[in-house]
């Protein structure tokens, strides 16, 4: 099946590829160390030596911004992976087998959905302790119920189709029916949600780092850079403007891709 992507998804994909290339090519674009402190260069304004100025420890903001892109993209992908796998399994089992298993799994997701995602992530980080890895785990676990609910609803719709009933009638095992007949027909909404959730995970991770529960100093992470610059908004606005703009642009490009995929993979979309 050929999927024709909307123009906004193409623009978002190109923008994200540029951001990823810049982040991966950081050692080629700057010679500064993102963690090296030079107290004699504190709060310097943008110049030829420091394109985006320096922070309160004399570190090059441009360099930290580039290396921070690596961390933010990794956080988004890993967090969504942690959400996707258990959520997909729970949704498939609940939707296909139903009955008691469905009730148990959906009651569990209801309990998790009773808390806002970021609040649930805050609680998990409070139990695990601050740190970037714990933040990724917390954000990932907080997103599991969304995938479980979405996959279950999709499975319930596909399970009643004639080709699934035919596969069951000829004696196919449940595992084969799920993997070969149901899973390939529910990937559309799952792919769209996965893409959108990458941007949400980056936002949540930046929020946790801003509160001191995510990345810890001297890690060059965008949310942590915002936290460090909030006390110097008038004296050194570039400390917060640069990472804030990068968070905005990155999440925007990812959301453009997700919106485009959602429309392109919608079987009921009017051409």
Protein backbone atom coordinates (compact mmCIF):
# COMPACT_ATOMS: atom_id res chain seq x y z
CA UNK A 1 0.00 0.00 0.00
CA UNK A 2 1.34 3.40 -1.05
CA UNK A 3 0.74 6.13 1.52
CA UNK A 4 0.58 9.68 0.17
CA UNK A 5 1.82 12.02 2.88
CA UNK A 6 0.34 15.52 3.29
CA UNK A 7 2.68 18.42 2.65
CA UNK A 8 2.90 19.26 6.37
CA UNK A 9 4.22 15.78 7.11
CA UNK A 10 6.88 16.17 4.41
CA UNK A 11 7.90 19.58 5.78
CA UNK A 12 8.01 18.17 9.31
CA UNK A 13 10.10 15.21 8.18
CA UNK A 14 12.61 17.45 6.43
CA UNK A 15 12.82 19.71 9.48
CA UNK A 16 13.34 16.78 11.83
CA UNK A 17 16.05 15.31 9.59
CA UNK A 18 17.87 18.65 9.65
CA UNK A 19 17.63 18.83 13.46
CA UNK A 20 18.82 15.23 13.81
CA UNK A 21 21.72 15.83 11.42
CA UNK A 22 22.77 18.93 13.37
CA UNK A 23 22.61 17.07 16.68
CA UNK A 24 24.55 14.05 15.38
CA UNK A 25 27.10 16.27 13.68
CA UNK A 26 27.72 18.40 16.78
CA UNK A 27 31.45 17.50 17.02
CA UNK A 28 31.90 18.74 13.45
CA UNK A 29 30.03 22.00 14.02
CA UNK A 30 31.72 23.14 17.22
CA UNK A 31 35.06 22.65 18.91
CA UNK A 32 33.88 23.52 22.42
CA UNK A 33 33.25 21.01 25.19
CA UNK A 34 29.59 21.21 26.30
CA UNK A 35 30.57 20.50 29.93
CA UNK A 36 33.76 22.56 30.18
CA UNK A 37 33.48 25.56 32.52
CA UNK A 38 35.38 28.82 32.05
CA UNK A 39 34.51 31.14 34.90
CA UNK A 40 36.29 34.02 33.20
CA UNK A 41 33.82 33.83 30.28
CA UNK A 42 30.58 33.98 32.30
CA UNK A 43 27.45 35.44 30.67
CA UNK A 44 29.15 36.69 27.53
CA UNK A 45 26.79 37.94 24.86
CA UNK A 46 26.71 36.29 21.40
CA UNK A 47 29.90 36.86 19.43
CA UNK A 48 32.13 35.23 16.82
CA UNK A 49 33.78 33.16 19.54
CA UNK A 50 30.45 32.11 21.09
CA UNK A 51 27.64 32.28 18.56
CA UNK A 52 24.87 32.10 21.19
CA UNK A 53 26.84 33.49 24.10
CA UNK A 54 27.84 31.71 27.29
CA UNK A 55 25.99 30.71 30.45
CA UNK A 56 26.65 31.44 34.11
CA UNK A 57 29.54 28.94 34.14
CA UNK A 58 31.16 30.21 30.96
CA UNK A 59 29.99 27.24 28.88
CA UNK A 60 29.23 27.79 25.20
CA UNK A 61 25.43 27.85 24.78
CA UNK A 62 25.55 26.91 21.09
CA UNK A 63 27.59 23.79 21.87
CA UNK A 64 25.29 22.76 24.70
CA UNK A 65 22.31 23.32 22.43
CA UNK A 66 23.69 20.95 19.78
CA UNK A 67 24.57 18.19 22.22
CA UNK A 68 21.26 18.73 23.99
CA UNK A 69 19.50 17.76 20.77
CA UNK A 70 21.02 14.29 21.01
CA UNK A 71 19.68 13.88 24.53
CA UNK A 72 16.19 15.19 23.78
CA UNK A 73 15.73 13.02 20.69
CA UNK A 74 16.98 9.97 22.57
CA UNK A 75 14.64 10.69 25.46
CA UNK A 76 11.67 10.98 23.10
CA UNK A 77 12.39 7.74 21.25
CA UNK A 78 13.27 5.65 24.33
CA UNK A 79 10.30 6.91 26.34
CA UNK A 80 7.87 6.10 23.54
CA UNK A 81 9.45 2.66 23.17
CA UNK A 82 8.86 2.02 26.87
CA UNK A 83 5.22 3.06 26.43
CA UNK A 84 4.58 1.22 23.18
CA UNK A 85 5.62 -2.35 23.96
CA UNK A 86 3.59 -3.00 27.16
CA UNK A 87 0.71 -0.88 25.88
CA UNK A 88 0.59 -2.85 22.62
CA UNK A 89 0.64 -6.19 24.44
CA UNK A 90 -2.04 -5.13 26.93
CA UNK A 91 -4.29 -3.79 24.18
CA UNK A 92 -3.93 -6.89 21.99
CA UNK A 93 -4.68 -9.27 24.86
CA UNK A 94 -7.59 -7.24 26.20
CA UNK A 95 -9.17 -6.69 22.80
CA UNK A 96 -8.76 -10.23 21.48
CA UNK A 97 -9.51 -12.37 24.53
CA UNK A 98 -11.93 -10.01 26.29
CA UNK A 99 -13.92 -11.11 29.34
CA UNK A 100 -12.04 -11.21 32.65
CA UNK A 101 -8.64 -10.39 31.16
CA UNK A 102 -10.12 -7.36 29.41
CA UNK A 103 -11.71 -6.11 32.64
CA UNK A 104 -8.52 -6.54 34.66
CA UNK A 105 -6.28 -4.79 32.14
CA UNK A 106 -8.71 -1.95 31.48
CA UNK A 107 -9.27 -1.36 35.21
CA UNK A 108 -5.49 -1.04 35.52
CA UNK A 109 -5.36 1.51 32.72
CA UNK A 110 -8.29 3.39 34.27
CA UNK A 111 -6.33 3.76 37.50
CA UNK A 112 -3.32 5.11 35.60
CA UNK A 113 -5.47 7.43 33.48
CA UNK A 114 -6.96 8.92 36.65
CA UNK A 115 -3.69 10.87 37.00
CA UNK A 116 -2.48 13.40 34.42
CA UNK A 117 0.50 12.03 32.51
CA UNK A 118 3.04 14.52 33.81
CA UNK A 119 1.76 14.17 37.38
CA UNK A 120 2.05 10.38 37.15
CA UNK A 121 5.59 10.76 35.77
CA UNK A 122 6.44 13.07 38.68
CA UNK A 123 5.25 10.44 41.13
CA UNK A 124 7.27 7.69 39.46
CA UNK A 125 10.42 9.84 39.41
CA UNK A 126 9.86 10.63 43.08
CA UNK A 127 9.94 6.88 43.77
CA UNK A 128 12.88 6.08 41.48
CA UNK A 129 14.91 9.19 42.21
CA UNK A 130 15.99 12.08 39.94
CA UNK A 131 17.99 11.33 36.83
CA UNK A 132 17.63 11.22 33.06
CA UNK A 133 17.20 7.42 32.85
CA UNK A 134 14.56 7.43 35.58
CA UNK A 135 12.79 10.29 33.81
CA UNK A 136 12.61 8.25 30.60
CA UNK A 137 11.21 5.27 32.51
CA UNK A 138 8.65 7.47 34.26
CA UNK A 139 7.50 9.17 31.06
CA UNK A 140 7.31 5.81 29.30
CA UNK A 141 5.24 4.15 32.03
CA UNK A 142 2.90 7.14 32.21
CA UNK A 143 2.13 6.71 28.50
CA UNK A 144 1.29 2.98 28.61
CA UNK A 145 -2.50 3.38 29.17
CA UNK A 146 -2.92 5.53 26.04
CA UNK A 147 -1.52 2.76 23.85
CA UNK A 148 -3.44 0.05 25.67
CA UNK A 149 -6.74 1.88 25.14
CA UNK A 150 -6.03 2.71 21.50
CA UNK A 151 -4.87 -0.79 20.57
CA UNK A 152 -7.80 -2.43 22.38
CA UNK A 153 -10.32 -0.27 20.51
CA UNK A 154 -8.64 -1.05 17.18
CA UNK A 155 -8.54 -4.79 17.93
CA UNK A 156 -12.25 -4.83 18.84
CA UNK A 157 -13.06 -3.33 15.45
CA UNK A 158 -10.81 -5.67 13.43
CA UNK A 159 -11.77 -8.80 15.40
CA UNK A 160 -15.29 -8.71 13.94
CA UNK A 161 -14.16 -8.63 10.32
CA UNK A 162 -14.76 -11.59 8.02
CA UNK A 163 -11.09 -12.44 7.40
CA UNK A 164 -10.40 -12.75 11.14
CA UNK A 165 -13.49 -14.90 11.64
CA UNK A 166 -12.40 -17.05 8.69
CA UNK A 167 -8.93 -17.52 10.16
CA UNK A 168 -10.44 -18.60 13.49
CA UNK A 169 -12.88 -20.93 11.71
CA UNK A 170 -10.14 -22.84 9.89
CA UNK A 171 -8.33 -23.45 13.19
CA UNK A 172 -5.55 -20.84 13.21
CA UNK A 173 -3.92 -20.41 16.59
CA UNK A 174 -4.69 -17.27 18.53
CA UNK A 175 -1.08 -16.11 18.30
CA UNK A 176 -1.14 -16.45 14.51
CA UNK A 177 -4.45 -14.61 14.22
CA UNK A 178 -3.11 -11.74 16.33
CA UNK A 179 0.27 -11.45 14.60
CA UNK A 180 -0.72 -12.18 10.99
CA UNK A 181 -4.25 -10.83 10.72
CA UNK A 182 -4.97 -8.29 13.46
CA UNK A 183 -1.66 -6.52 14.08
CA UNK A 184 -1.03 -5.49 10.43
CA UNK A 185 -4.50 -3.90 10.31
CA UNK A 186 -4.17 -1.68 13.38
CA UNK A 187 -0.75 -0.13 12.78
CA UNK A 188 -2.12 3.15 11.35
CA UNK A 189 -3.40 4.83 14.53
CA UNK A 190 -0.55 3.30 16.55
CA UNK A 191 2.08 4.83 14.25
CA UNK A 192 0.36 8.22 14.40
CA UNK A 193 0.15 8.17 18.21
CA UNK A 194 3.75 7.00 18.50
CA UNK A 195 4.98 9.90 16.40
CA UNK A 196 2.96 12.48 18.32
CA UNK A 197 4.10 11.01 21.63
CA UNK A 198 7.76 11.57 20.78
CA UNK A 199 7.13 15.31 20.90
CA UNK A 200 5.12 14.98 24.11
CA UNK A 201 7.90 12.93 25.71
CA UNK A 202 10.46 15.63 24.84
CA UNK A 203 8.22 18.26 26.44
CA UNK A 204 7.67 16.18 29.58
CA UNK A 205 11.36 15.36 29.90
CA UNK A 206 12.22 19.05 29.57
CA UNK A 207 9.64 19.83 32.24
CA UNK A 208 11.09 17.25 34.63
CA UNK A 209 14.60 18.55 34.02
CA UNK A 210 13.39 22.11 34.59
CA UNK A 211 12.08 20.99 37.99
CA UNK A 212 15.37 19.27 38.80
CA UNK A 213 13.99 15.73 38.49
CA UNK A 214 15.33 14.85 35.04
CA UNK A 215 18.78 15.48 33.65
CA UNK A 216 21.27 16.59 36.28
CA UNK A 217 24.07 19.17 35.91
CA UNK A 218 26.28 19.47 33.95
CA UNK A 219 24.30 17.48 31.35
CA UNK A 220 23.54 19.66 28.28
CA UNK A 221 19.78 19.08 28.24
CA UNK A 222 17.34 21.71 26.99
CA UNK A 223 15.02 21.67 29.99
CA UNK A 224 17.96 21.93 32.36
CA UNK A 225 19.35 24.82 30.31
CA UNK A 226 16.03 26.61 30.73
CA UNK A 227 16.16 26.05 34.47
CA UNK A 228 19.70 27.39 34.70
CA UNK A 229 18.84 30.50 32.70
CA UNK A 230 15.58 31.47 34.40
CA UNK A 231 17.43 33.63 36.93
CA UNK A 232 19.18 35.58 34.15
CA UNK A 233 16.26 36.45 31.85
CA UNK A 234 17.16 40.15 31.75
CA UNK A 235 20.92 39.86 32.06
CA UNK A 236 21.43 36.98 29.61
CA UNK A 237 18.18 36.21 27.71
CA UNK A 238 20.02 33.96 25.22
CA UNK A 239 20.39 31.32 27.94
CA UNK A 240 16.65 30.62 27.89
CA UNK A 241 15.70 31.84 24.41
CA UNK A 242 17.94 29.34 22.59
CA UNK A 243 16.82 26.09 24.32
CA UNK A 244 13.20 27.26 24.43
CA UNK A 245 13.21 27.88 20.69
CA UNK A 246 14.79 24.50 20.02
CA UNK A 247 12.15 22.71 22.09
CA UNK A 248 9.43 24.59 20.19
CA UNK A 249 10.86 23.83 16.74
CA UNK A 250 11.55 20.16 17.51
CA UNK A 251 8.10 19.47 18.95
CA UNK A 252 6.47 21.41 16.10
CA UNK A 253 8.20 19.33 13.41
CA UNK A 254 7.30 16.08 15.17
CA UNK A 255 3.66 17.16 15.55
CA UNK A 256 3.51 18.03 11.85
CA UNK A 257 4.69 14.51 11.03
CA UNK A 258 2.22 12.94 13.46
CA UNK A 259 -0.74 14.94 12.15
CA UNK A 260 0.17 14.08 8.60
CA UNK A 261 0.53 10.38 9.34
CA UNK A 262 -2.76 10.34 11.21
CA UNK A 263 -4.56 11.72 8.16
CA UNK A 264 -2.66 9.58 5.66
CA UNK A 265 -3.26 6.33 7.54
CA UNK A 266 -6.91 7.02 8.35
CA UNK A 267 -8.95 4.45 6.36
CA UNK A 268 -12.04 6.68 6.55
CA UNK A 269 -10.30 9.80 5.30
CA UNK A 270 -11.99 11.42 2.35
CA UNK A 271 -9.53 11.66 -0.55
